[in-house]
Structures are given as structure tokens and as C-alpha cells.
Amino acid sequence: MAYLARIEPQAARPIAFALKVVPTAVPAAPEFSQLEWSIIRLAQVDGLSTLREPGLFLRFVGWLTGTAHRPELANPRLEALRRISVMSWHFGFSVPGDDVADFLAAGFSLDQYELLVTSVRAALAASSQRIH
């Protein structure tokens, strides 16, 4: 009856484990380049309508007047930053999860997202204090 056999170590000697201590790199503070900060600042004046494709009427008016305005950026990474910045200026941390996922998929981190929104909220708070 093998299932009733006791399972014990063959020798009663202690087992020593060699732990290799690997120094972990301290994560760098999240940051944006000067170009990225300028995109964040410029997104303040962009409306939410710049996040969606223009409708048939607006395309017709743009064709008629020759002023087809396309606000999106050519670089997909910077366009993701512009989109999340526009939403952050309007909604703060209440940005839909799909848009945050697009921001992260573009190569940004959650720490950068938090830095972006806290900076935008601080700028809005400072501007509202100047108005009052």
C-alpha cells in the first residue's frame, strides 16, 4: 500500500539555499520630453470634437471653403498623447479605459498618465484661482 507510506526526507540535514541578491534599478521618475509637454499644453484649446472624425456636413463645408482642418498628428505616439491630453483637460481622471489602454499601447506608462493628469489638474486649479 504505497499510499500509506510516509513521505520523509532521506537525510535529516538542512537544505541551504543560495540567494543571489541582484540590485534592482530604481525606477526613474516619469517624465515627458519638451515636445510632449508642448502637445499637452496645446491640447488645452482643442475641443472634444477634434477626437472624432468630422461628419458629412463638416467635410462638405471644409471642401467648399477649402479649409479642411485635420487636427490629428502624423506620429501615432504623439497623437495618442494629444488624445489623452484633450480628454484629461476636460475630464481629469475620468477618461474611458479604452482610451487609457490606447495611451499605454502607444508606449507610455501608468506613471506618465498620472503625471499628465495631475499636471493638468494643477494647471486648471491655478488658472481658476487667478480668475477669482
Foldseek 3Di string as FASTA:
>chain_A
DVVPDDDDDPDPDDDDDDDDDDDDDDDDQDDDDPVLVVLLVVLLPDAPVLVDDDDPVLVVVCVVVVNPDNPADPDQLSSLSSNLSNCLLVPQPPDDPVSVVSNVVSPHDPSNSVVSSVVSVVVVVVVVVVVD
